[in-house]
Protein backbone atom coordinates (compact mmCIF):
# COMPACT_ATOMS: atom_id res chain seq x y z
CA UNK A 1 0.00 0.00 0.00
CA UNK A 2 1.27 3.43 -0.89
CA UNK A 3 2.41 5.42 2.15
CA UNK A 4 0.40 8.41 3.24
CA UNK A 5 1.85 11.88 3.70
CA UNK A 6 2.31 11.53 7.46
CA UNK A 7 4.08 8.18 7.10
CA UNK A 8 6.48 9.64 4.53
CA UNK A 9 7.20 12.51 6.91
CA UNK A 10 7.97 9.99 9.66
CA UNK A 11 10.66 8.41 7.49
CA UNK A 12 12.07 11.87 6.66
CA UNK A 13 12.01 12.93 10.32
CA UNK A 14 13.83 9.77 11.42
CA UNK A 15 16.71 10.00 8.98
CA UNK A 16 17.02 13.78 8.84
CA UNK A 17 17.42 13.66 12.62
CA UNK A 18 19.69 10.62 12.87
CA UNK A 19 22.35 11.19 10.21
CA UNK A 20 23.47 14.64 11.47
CA UNK A 21 22.15 14.00 15.00
CA UNK A 22 25.53 13.80 16.72
CA UNK A 23 26.71 17.08 15.17
CA UNK A 24 23.41 18.71 16.14
CA UNK A 25 23.85 17.48 19.71
CA UNK A 26 27.30 19.11 19.86
CA UNK A 27 25.97 22.32 18.31
CA UNK A 28 23.19 22.54 20.89
CA UNK A 29 25.45 21.53 23.81
CA UNK A 30 28.17 24.10 23.11
CA UNK A 31 25.78 26.73 21.77
CA UNK A 32 23.69 26.56 24.94
CA UNK A 33 26.78 27.21 27.08
CA UNK A 34 27.68 30.11 24.76
CA UNK A 35 24.64 32.13 25.87
CA UNK A 36 26.64 32.82 29.02
CA UNK A 37 30.07 32.90 27.44
CA UNK A 38 30.98 36.26 29.03
CA UNK A 39 30.09 34.88 32.46
CA UNK A 40 32.14 31.76 31.69
CA UNK A 41 35.00 34.09 30.71
CA UNK A 42 34.74 35.70 34.14
CA UNK A 43 34.81 32.34 35.96
CA UNK A 44 37.79 31.15 33.93
CA UNK A 45 39.73 34.33 34.70
CA UNK A 46 39.39 34.56 38.50
CA UNK A 47 42.27 37.05 38.69
CA UNK A 48 40.01 39.74 37.20
CA UNK A 49 38.06 41.91 39.66
CA UNK A 50 34.28 41.58 39.73
CA UNK A 51 33.56 45.18 38.63
CA UNK A 52 33.42 46.14 34.94
CA UNK A 53 33.29 49.95 35.07
CA UNK A 54 36.43 51.67 33.74
CA UNK A 55 37.76 54.59 35.75
CA UNK A 56 39.53 57.62 34.30
CA UNK A 57 42.50 56.60 36.45
CA UNK A 58 42.72 53.25 34.61
CA UNK A 59 42.40 54.96 31.22
CA UNK A 60 45.20 57.34 32.12
CA UNK A 61 47.36 54.37 33.18
CA UNK A 62 46.61 52.63 29.86
CA UNK A 63 47.47 55.84 28.01
CA UNK A 64 50.79 56.19 29.83
CA UNK A 65 51.70 52.54 29.24
CA UNK A 66 50.97 52.74 25.51
CA UNK A 67 52.95 55.96 25.06
CA UNK A 68 55.91 54.58 27.00
CA UNK A 69 56.09 50.95 25.90
CA UNK A 70 54.17 51.15 22.64
CA UNK A 71 56.03 54.17 21.22
CA UNK A 72 56.73 53.73 17.51
CA UNK A 73 54.09 50.99 17.13
CA UNK A 74 52.02 50.70 13.96
CA UNK A 75 48.82 50.55 15.97
CA UNK A 76 47.41 50.52 19.48
CA UNK A 77 44.37 48.53 20.53
CA UNK A 78 42.40 49.10 23.72
CA UNK A 79 39.78 46.49 24.66
CA UNK A 80 37.42 47.69 27.36
CA UNK A 81 35.77 45.31 29.87
CA UNK A 82 32.47 43.86 28.73
CA UNK A 83 29.48 44.99 30.79
CA UNK A 84 28.83 41.33 31.68
CA UNK A 85 32.39 40.75 32.88
CA UNK A 86 35.04 38.29 31.84
CA UNK A 87 37.61 40.76 30.54
CA UNK A 88 39.85 43.43 31.97
CA UNK A 89 41.19 46.59 30.39
CA UNK A 90 43.44 45.10 27.71
CA UNK A 91 46.00 47.14 25.78
CA UNK A 92 48.11 45.81 22.94
CA UNK A 93 50.37 47.15 20.22
CA UNK A 94 52.28 45.91 17.18
CA UNK A 95 55.81 46.98 16.31
CA UNK A 96 56.74 47.63 12.64
CA UNK A 97 58.18 44.57 10.97
CA UNK A 98 56.51 42.10 13.34
CA UNK A 99 53.69 39.78 12.47
CA UNK A 100 50.41 41.52 13.32
CA UNK A 101 49.26 38.36 15.10
CA UNK A 102 52.30 38.51 17.39
CA UNK A 103 51.25 41.55 19.38
CA UNK A 104 52.35 42.64 22.82
CA UNK A 105 49.37 42.58 25.20
CA UNK A 106 48.89 43.62 28.82
CA UNK A 107 45.80 43.39 31.04
CA UNK A 108 45.08 46.20 33.49
CA UNK A 109 42.70 46.45 36.43
CA UNK A 110 39.77 48.55 35.11
CA UNK A 111 39.58 50.47 38.41
CA UNK A 112 43.17 51.03 39.50
CA UNK A 113 45.05 50.63 36.23
CA UNK A 114 47.65 48.27 37.72
CA UNK A 115 48.94 45.38 35.62
CA UNK A 116 47.28 42.00 36.22
CA UNK A 117 48.71 38.54 35.65
CA UNK A 118 45.80 36.65 34.06
CA UNK A 119 45.92 32.97 33.12
CA UNK A 120 45.91 32.14 29.44
CA UNK A 121 42.49 30.83 28.41
CA UNK A 122 39.99 31.17 25.60
CA UNK A 123 37.21 30.91 28.17
CA UNK A 124 33.64 30.87 26.98
CA UNK A 125 34.68 32.22 23.59
CA UNK A 126 35.92 28.76 22.62
CA UNK A 127 32.57 27.21 23.51
CA UNK A 128 30.89 29.86 21.37
CA UNK A 129 33.13 29.22 18.36
CA UNK A 130 32.97 25.45 18.78
CA UNK A 131 29.22 25.38 18.14
CA UNK A 132 29.61 26.63 14.57
CA UNK A 133 33.32 26.24 13.67
CA UNK A 134 33.95 22.86 15.37
CA UNK A 135 37.66 22.19 16.06
CA UNK A 136 40.76 20.50 14.60
CA UNK A 137 39.40 21.04 11.09
CA UNK A 138 39.41 24.14 8.91
CA UNK A 139 36.84 26.81 9.66
CA UNK A 140 35.43 26.45 6.15
CA UNK A 141 34.73 22.73 6.46
CA UNK A 142 33.52 23.13 10.01
CA UNK A 143 30.93 25.64 8.90
CA UNK A 144 29.92 23.54 5.90
CA UNK A 145 29.33 20.61 8.27
CA UNK A 146 27.29 22.70 10.71
CA UNK A 147 25.26 24.25 7.86
CA UNK A 148 24.37 20.80 6.50
CA UNK A 149 23.37 19.65 9.99
CA UNK A 150 21.28 22.80 10.58
CA UNK A 151 19.43 22.33 7.29
CA UNK A 152 18.66 18.74 8.30
CA UNK A 153 17.55 20.01 11.72
CA UNK A 154 15.05 22.38 10.13
CA UNK A 155 13.68 19.52 8.01
CA UNK A 156 13.51 17.26 11.09
CA UNK A 157 11.62 19.87 13.14
CA UNK A 158 9.02 20.57 10.45
CA UNK A 159 8.54 16.90 9.53
CA UNK A 160 8.31 16.03 13.23
CA UNK A 161 5.40 18.45 13.68
CA UNK A 162 3.60 16.79 10.77
CA UNK A 163 4.40 13.25 11.94
CA UNK A 164 3.14 13.55 15.52
CA UNK A 165 -0.52 14.40 15.03
CA UNK A 166 -1.05 14.26 18.81
CA UNK A 167 2.19 16.05 19.62
CA UNK A 168 0.61 18.66 21.88
CA UNK A 169 -1.63 16.11 23.60
CA UNK A 170 1.30 13.79 24.19
CA UNK A 171 3.25 16.65 25.75
CA UNK A 172 0.94 16.46 28.78
CA UNK A 173 1.26 12.67 29.05
CA UNK A 174 4.76 12.04 30.38
CA UNK A 175 4.70 8.31 31.11
CA UNK A 176 7.73 7.09 33.03
CA UNK A 177 9.05 3.55 33.09
CA UNK A 178 7.23 2.59 29.88
CA UNK A 179 10.26 1.89 27.69
CA UNK A 180 9.82 3.15 24.14
CA UNK A 181 6.71 5.10 25.11
CA UNK A 182 8.68 7.01 27.76
CA UNK A 183 11.47 7.88 25.33
CA UNK A 184 8.93 9.15 22.81
CA UNK A 185 7.18 11.22 25.49
CA UNK A 186 10.52 12.71 26.56
CA UNK A 187 11.40 13.51 22.94
CA UNK A 188 8.00 15.12 22.36
CA UNK A 189 8.13 17.13 25.58
CA UNK A 190 11.61 18.56 25.02
CA UNK A 191 10.70 19.31 21.41
CA UNK A 192 7.31 20.94 22.01
CA UNK A 193 8.17 22.85 25.19
CA UNK A 194 10.47 25.22 23.29
CA UNK A 195 9.31 24.53 19.72
CA UNK A 196 9.25 28.23 18.68
CA UNK A 197 12.79 28.58 20.07
CA UNK A 198 14.01 25.51 18.18
CA UNK A 199 12.61 26.82 14.89
CA UNK A 200 13.96 30.33 15.53
CA UNK A 201 17.45 29.26 16.63
CA UNK A 202 17.83 26.83 13.71
CA UNK A 203 16.61 29.24 11.04
CA UNK A 204 18.54 32.25 12.36
CA UNK A 205 21.62 30.05 12.73
CA UNK A 206 21.43 29.37 9.01
CA UNK A 207 21.04 33.10 8.37
CA UNK A 208 24.22 33.88 10.33
CA UNK A 209 26.10 31.55 7.95
CA UNK A 210 24.18 32.81 4.94
CA UNK A 211 27.24 33.61 2.83
CA UNK A 212 28.78 30.24 3.62
CA UNK A 213 25.68 28.54 2.24
CA UNK A 214 25.04 30.91 -0.67
CA UNK A 215 28.12 32.97 -1.63
CA UNK A 216 26.96 33.54 -5.19
CA UNK A 217 25.45 36.98 -4.59
CA UNK A 218 28.89 38.22 -3.50
CA UNK A 219 30.84 36.56 -6.31
CA UNK A 220 28.35 37.84 -8.90
CA UNK A 221 28.43 41.46 -7.77
CA UNK A 222 31.87 42.09 -6.25
CA UNK A 223 35.44 41.54 -7.33
CA UNK A 224 36.41 39.89 -4.06
CA UNK A 225 35.45 39.60 -0.39
CA UNK A 226 37.28 42.83 0.44
CA UNK A 227 35.15 44.81 -2.01
CA UNK A 228 31.99 43.34 -0.50
CA UNK A 229 33.14 44.20 3.03
CA UNK A 230 33.83 47.79 2.01
CA UNK A 231 30.38 48.10 0.42
CA UNK A 232 28.52 46.50 3.33
CA UNK A 233 30.57 48.21 6.08
CA UNK A 234 32.07 51.33 4.50
CA UNK A 235 35.15 52.88 6.09
CA UNK A 236 37.03 56.10 5.47
CA UNK A 237 39.95 55.89 3.09
CA UNK A 238 43.02 54.53 4.82
CA UNK A 239 45.73 57.09 5.44
CA UNK A 240 49.42 56.27 5.37
CA UNK A 241 51.66 57.62 8.11
CA UNK A 242 52.99 61.09 7.27
CA UNK A 243 56.19 60.76 9.25
CA UNK A 244 55.49 64.04 11.02
CA UNK A 245 55.22 63.60 14.81
CA UNK A 246 52.11 64.87 16.56
CA UNK A 247 50.57 64.06 19.95
CA UNK A 248 47.69 61.57 19.97
CA UNK A 249 44.49 62.41 21.84
CA UNK A 250 44.25 60.95 25.37
CA UNK A 251 41.99 57.93 25.75
CA UNK A 252 39.65 59.81 28.09
CA UNK A 253 38.90 62.37 25.35
CA UNK A 254 38.41 59.63 22.77
CA UNK A 255 35.98 57.83 25.09
CA UNK A 256 34.07 61.04 25.77
CA UNK A 257 33.69 61.72 22.03
CA UNK A 258 32.22 58.25 21.51
CA UNK A 259 29.75 58.52 24.37
CA UNK A 260 28.53 61.90 23.07
CA UNK A 261 28.08 60.49 19.58
CA UNK A 262 26.37 57.28 20.73
CA UNK A 263 24.28 58.86 23.49
CA UNK A 264 25.85 57.03 26.40
CA UNK A 265 26.79 53.73 24.74
CA UNK A 266 30.45 53.11 25.46
CA UNK A 267 32.96 51.64 23.01
CA UNK A 268 34.07 48.04 23.29
CA UNK A 269 37.27 48.53 21.32
CA UNK A 270 39.48 51.47 20.40
CA UNK A 271 41.98 50.95 17.57
CA UNK A 272 44.47 53.73 16.84
CA UNK A 273 46.48 53.51 13.62
CA UNK A 274 49.79 55.38 13.34
CA UNK A 275 49.81 56.70 16.93
CA UNK A 276 52.09 59.71 17.44
CA UNK A 277 51.70 60.79 13.80
CA UNK A 278 49.71 63.68 12.27
CA UNK A 279 47.72 61.06 10.31
CA UNK A 280 46.79 59.05 13.42
CA UNK A 281 43.23 57.73 13.14
CA UNK A 282 41.10 56.11 15.84
CA UNK A 283 38.34 53.61 15.15
CA UNK A 284 35.83 53.07 17.97
CA UNK A 285 33.59 49.98 17.89
CA UNK A 286 30.45 50.13 20.07
CA UNK A 287 29.90 47.54 22.78
CA UNK A 288 27.14 45.04 22.00
CA UNK A 289 25.56 45.02 25.43
CA UNK A 290 22.00 45.68 24.27
CA UNK A 291 19.92 45.83 21.09
CA UNK A 292 20.88 49.42 20.30
CA UNK A 293 24.62 48.82 20.60
CA UNK A 294 24.65 46.54 17.57
CA UNK A 295 22.74 49.06 15.46
CA UNK A 296 25.42 51.77 15.72
CA UNK A 297 28.22 52.10 13.18
CA UNK A 298 31.84 52.43 14.18
CA UNK A 299 33.08 55.93 14.88
CA UNK A 300 36.24 57.27 13.21
CA UNK A 301 38.24 60.13 14.66
CA UNK A 302 41.31 62.06 13.61
CA UNK A 303 43.34 61.09 16.67
CA UNK A 304 45.68 64.08 16.32
CA UNK A 305 43.11 66.86 15.80
CA UNK A 306 40.05 65.32 17.45
CA UNK A 307 37.62 65.83 14.57
CA UNK A 308 35.16 63.16 13.39
CA UNK A 309 36.05 61.52 10.08
CA UNK A 310 32.82 61.15 8.07
CA UNK A 311 31.82 57.76 6.69
CA UNK A 312 30.86 57.24 3.04
CA UNK A 313 27.13 57.32 2.40
CA UNK A 314 25.50 53.95 2.90
CA UNK A 315 22.04 52.49 2.35
CA UNK A 316 21.95 49.07 3.97
CA UNK A 317 18.55 48.16 2.63
CA UNK A 318 15.90 45.89 4.08
CA UNK A 319 17.79 42.68 3.41
CA UNK A 320 20.90 43.68 5.39
CA UNK A 321 18.86 45.07 8.27
CA UNK A 322 16.76 41.92 8.42
CA UNK A 323 19.89 39.78 8.51
CA UNK A 324 21.32 41.88 11.37
CA UNK A 325 18.13 41.36 13.39
CA UNK A 326 18.27 37.61 12.69
CA UNK A 327 21.89 37.44 13.88
CA UNK A 328 20.99 39.31 17.07
CA UNK A 329 18.08 36.96 17.71
CA UNK A 330 20.38 33.97 17.33
CA UNK A 331 23.20 35.21 19.53
CA UNK A 332 21.03 36.87 22.17
CA UNK A 333 23.54 39.74 22.52
CA UNK A 334 20.69 42.12 23.17
CA UNK A 335 19.20 40.02 25.98
CA UNK A 336 19.04 40.87 29.66
CA UNK A 337 19.65 38.28 32.34
CA UNK A 338 16.07 36.93 32.29
CA UNK A 339 15.96 36.39 28.52
CA UNK A 340 19.44 34.83 28.56
CA UNK A 341 18.25 32.28 31.12
CA UNK A 342 15.22 31.59 28.91
CA UNK A 343 17.59 31.02 25.96
CA UNK A 344 19.79 28.79 28.13
CA UNK A 345 16.93 26.62 29.41
CA UNK A 346 15.46 26.34 25.91
CA UNK A 347 18.91 25.31 24.67
CA UNK A 348 19.05 22.58 27.32
CA UNK A 349 15.68 21.42 26.00
CA UNK A 350 17.11 21.33 22.48
CA UNK A 351 20.13 19.35 23.64
CA UNK A 352 17.84 16.87 25.40
CA UNK A 353 15.62 16.71 22.31
CA UNK A 354 18.61 15.63 20.18
CA UNK A 355 19.75 13.13 22.82
CA UNK A 356 16.33 11.52 23.30
CA UNK A 357 15.76 11.37 19.55
CA UNK A 358 19.03 9.53 19.01
CA UNK A 359 18.31 7.15 21.90
CA UNK A 360 14.77 6.54 20.65
CA UNK A 361 16.12 5.29 17.33
CA UNK A 362 17.91 2.45 19.15
CA UNK A 363 15.07 1.75 21.56
CA UNK A 364 12.54 1.35 18.74
CA UNK A 365 14.74 -0.96 16.69
CA UNK A 366 16.14 -3.15 19.44
CA UNK A 367 12.85 -5.03 19.88
CA UNK A 368 12.66 -5.66 16.12
CA UNK A 369 16.10 -7.22 15.84
CA UNK A 370 16.15 -10.94 14.96
CA UNK A 371 18.65 -11.50 17.79
CA UNK A 372 18.78 -8.52 20.21
CA UNK A 373 21.85 -10.04 21.89
CA UNK A 374 23.75 -9.87 18.58
CA UNK A 375 22.66 -6.72 16.74
CA UNK A 376 23.93 -5.92 13.26
CA UNK A 377 26.80 -3.51 12.64
CA UNK A 378 24.63 -0.50 11.81
CA UNK A 379 22.74 -0.77 15.09
CA UNK A 380 25.95 -1.19 17.09
CA UNK A 381 27.51 1.82 15.34
CA UNK A 382 24.58 4.12 16.17
CA UNK A 383 24.39 2.82 19.74
CA UNK A 384 28.11 3.42 20.41
CA UNK A 385 28.07 6.86 18.80
CA UNK A 386 25.09 7.72 20.99
CA UNK A 387 26.95 6.74 24.15
CA UNK A 388 30.18 8.44 23.15
CA UNK A 389 28.56 11.73 22.18
CA UNK A 390 25.60 12.02 24.56
CA UNK A 391 27.34 10.80 27.71
CA UNK A 392 30.96 11.63 26.83
CA UNK A 393 30.83 15.19 25.50
CA UNK A 394 29.56 16.71 28.80
CA UNK A 395 32.50 15.08 30.57
CA UNK A 396 34.84 16.79 28.12
CA UNK A 397 33.28 20.18 28.90
CA UNK A 398 33.74 19.55 32.63
CA UNK A 399 37.39 18.62 31.97
CA UNK A 400 37.80 21.95 30.14
CA UNK A 401 36.78 23.79 33.30
CA UNK A 402 38.96 21.58 35.50
CA UNK A 403 41.98 22.16 33.26
CA UNK A 404 41.47 25.89 33.69
CA UNK A 405 42.06 25.50 37.42
CA UNK A 406 44.68 22.71 37.41
CA UNK A 407 47.08 23.49 34.55
CA UNK A 408 50.24 25.41 35.56
CA UNK A 409 49.79 29.16 35.32
CA UNK A 410 52.96 29.61 33.23
CA UNK A 411 52.43 26.65 30.89
CA UNK A 412 53.26 27.51 27.28
CA UNK A 413 50.17 27.63 25.05
CA UNK A 414 48.06 27.11 28.13
CA UNK A 415 44.81 28.05 26.40
CA UNK A 416 45.35 25.34 23.76
CA UNK A 417 46.07 22.75 26.45
CA UNK A 418 42.73 23.56 28.06
CA UNK A 419 41.00 22.84 24.76
CA UNK A 420 43.05 19.70 24.19
CA UNK A 421 42.08 18.51 27.68
CA UNK A 422 38.42 18.66 26.67
CA UNK A 423 38.94 16.37 23.69
CA UNK A 424 41.40 14.07 25.48
CA UNK A 425 38.96 13.33 28.29
CA UNK A 426 36.05 13.03 25.87
CA UNK A 427 38.11 10.62 23.75
CA UNK A 428 39.08 8.54 26.78
CA UNK A 429 35.43 8.20 27.85
CA UNK A 430 34.48 7.31 24.30
CA UNK A 431 37.23 4.67 24.04
CA UNK A 432 36.26 3.17 27.41
CA UNK A 433 32.63 2.77 26.37
CA UNK A 434 33.62 0.87 23.23
CA UNK A 435 35.04 -1.91 25.37
CA UNK A 436 32.03 -2.21 27.70
CA UNK A 437 28.56 -3.74 27.30
CA UNK A 438 26.05 -1.10 26.18
CA UNK A 439 24.20 -0.72 29.47
CA UNK A 440 27.38 -0.57 31.53
CA UNK A 441 28.85 1.88 29.04
CA UNK A 442 25.88 4.23 29.48
CA UNK A 443 26.04 4.03 33.28
CA UNK A 444 29.81 4.48 33.54
CA UNK A 445 30.05 7.30 30.99
CA UNK A 446 27.18 9.24 32.60
CA UNK A 447 28.65 8.63 36.06
CA UNK A 448 32.10 9.78 34.93
CA UNK A 449 30.66 13.00 33.50
CA UNK A 450 28.68 13.55 36.72
CA UNK A 451 31.81 13.12 38.85
CA UNK A 452 33.79 15.53 36.65
CA UNK A 453 31.10 18.22 36.91
CA UNK A 454 30.84 17.70 40.68
CA UNK A 455 34.61 18.17 41.00
CA UNK A 456 34.62 21.59 39.33
CA UNK A 457 33.15 23.59 42.27
CA UNK A 458 35.36 21.66 44.70
CA UNK A 459 38.55 22.31 42.75
CA UNK A 460 37.54 25.95 42.29
CA UNK A 461 37.17 26.35 46.06
CA UNK A 462 40.56 24.73 46.69
CA UNK A 463 42.54 26.63 44.05
CA UNK A 464 40.97 30.12 44.30
CA UNK A 465 39.50 32.42 46.92
CA UNK A 466 36.22 32.57 44.99
CA UNK A 467 34.61 29.27 45.96
CA UNK A 468 30.87 28.86 46.43
CA UNK A 469 30.79 29.89 50.10
CA UNK A 470 32.87 33.08 49.80
CA UNK A 471 31.08 34.02 46.58
CA UNK A 472 27.66 33.77 48.26
CA UNK A 473 28.88 35.86 51.21
CA UNK A 474 30.29 38.56 48.91
CA UNK A 475 27.32 38.53 46.55
CA UNK A 476 29.56 37.40 43.67
CA UNK A 477 26.64 35.92 41.74
CA UNK A 478 28.56 35.02 38.58
CA UNK A 479 30.86 32.62 40.46
CA UNK A 480 28.14 31.36 42.79
CA UNK A 481 25.65 30.69 39.98
CA UNK A 482 28.30 28.99 37.87
CA UNK A 483 29.17 26.55 40.67
CA UNK A 484 25.51 25.89 41.48
CA UNK A 485 24.66 25.29 37.81
CA UNK A 486 27.47 22.75 37.45
CA UNK A 487 26.36 21.03 40.66
CA UNK A 488 22.83 20.79 39.22
CA UNK A 489 24.21 19.32 35.97
CA UNK A 490 26.23 16.79 37.98
CA UNK A 491 23.10 15.77 39.90
CA UNK A 492 21.11 15.41 36.67
CA UNK A 493 23.77 13.20 35.07
CA UNK A 494 24.07 11.09 38.25
CA UNK A 495 20.28 10.65 38.40
CA UNK A 496 20.23 9.59 34.75
CA UNK A 497 23.02 7.07 35.35
CA UNK A 498 21.08 5.66 38.34
CA UNK A 499 17.88 5.34 36.29
CA UNK A 500 19.73 3.51 33.50
CA UNK A 501 21.33 1.17 36.06
CA UNK A 502 17.99 0.26 37.65
CA UNK A 503 16.13 -0.11 34.37
CA UNK A 504 15.03 -3.66 33.60
CA UNK A 505 13.84 -4.02 30.01
CA UNK A 506 10.68 -6.02 29.58
CA UNK A 507 10.88 -9.22 27.61
CA UNK A 508 9.32 -8.87 24.15
CA UNK A 509 5.93 -10.58 23.85
CA UNK A 510 6.01 -14.05 22.31
CA UNK A 511 4.83 -14.24 18.76
CA UNK A 512 1.48 -15.84 18.27
CA UNK A 513 1.53 -19.17 16.57
CA UNK A 514 -1.27 -20.30 14.39
CA UNK A 515 -1.18 -23.92 15.30
CA UNK A 516 -4.59 -25.53 14.99
CA UNK A 517 -3.65 -28.50 17.14
CA UNK A 518 -2.45 -26.32 20.05
CA UNK A 519 -5.42 -24.04 19.56
CA UNK A 520 -7.79 -26.99 19.84
CA UNK A 521 -5.96 -28.23 22.92
């Protein structure tokens, strides 16, 4: 009999969700953490003070340091602390002849201006980049992979809505301990609870990588990427150094000019080209702390004379403005603390939706196997990938946080070792599960991840003065909430491991035999 529309959508939903499912799980897992990546930055840099306001005293200290130690540099860069924390007052400069990526950088206390020794880490920024760039492969191929997975995710969401005709009714019928029925209920609940979020975050995620998916509009209308960038974000014509010395404006005056222009919004970055020259130019980039910050263009100043350098005329058009709004919706840069928590909890729902969907595939097919004790290769492959990704990846994230506290402060390339620690621990958990029976592998991998998460607040309390107790007493809510959140994740993973350990699968019902003799008997 020819399949109906809903049955065909069920097939599409199954395979569009399974094939890229492990990548989607990673995207949701790391992307959910990225909603608080500034707060994670703050936790992973405990040497930074809790306050984020920059004093004029600190700006003067940064000014003095740049003029003394950065004299003759091609450019100066001043990175101001983010309003959500996680960064100090960073100053850097590049000397002529050196690689621009090999810059001298110093972190200052935003209140006092004194130099701070801050551990090398990529903090929450790595988690943010991981969810769309992946790691250990080129950025291009990472984004191609994530784009393909996101397209499949959109198909899976829409076909899932069509497939489950009682999806909203089933959401209110969470039946525990019912095997396949329970997994389906859990998948429905985590999918429906934040369904608008899942559709929004998937679609806007594709929009953020629009030119990775469809670069043809650029190649058809512009000579190269540089020409497109100039047209979409016009800048004043670059000026070469004149060779004539002239004093550069103090940072306090540059900051004041930006705040007047932007009506109180402060800059996030200040870049000064050719400092100490009559052609010195300052570019000020607004901080993206709310919706309005992202709508403002950069400000350009003549850093020697103090006048504003006008930008070329620009008409962004409806398409560009719509894309900017989509990007802001996806990243949540505009969001206050309440909306960020809503994003975070919805992201946890999306992560659970991917995990339960992958597990459901195995649960449904196990009972249909000719010999469940000896499943075929395809089933074993999916089952082992499920265990390695779903139960192992969280353990890797916990190891990333532990490495931040345990690695030597002066270790060369310390930030890369933190990242490597994540994948080493994840790989070890994955390898261990391959050698264990499936049920034991689930229990042990989930338990290992739970233990690792539980260790993070303990190690933080031992290695820093900003443990849970002192943080609660001081009202340091970033550190306190971080530790409490990881403790809650540890408890959730431990509870899941306990439930898997106690679960006793029901024996499949015996097949009916049409035996007339036995029937008569």
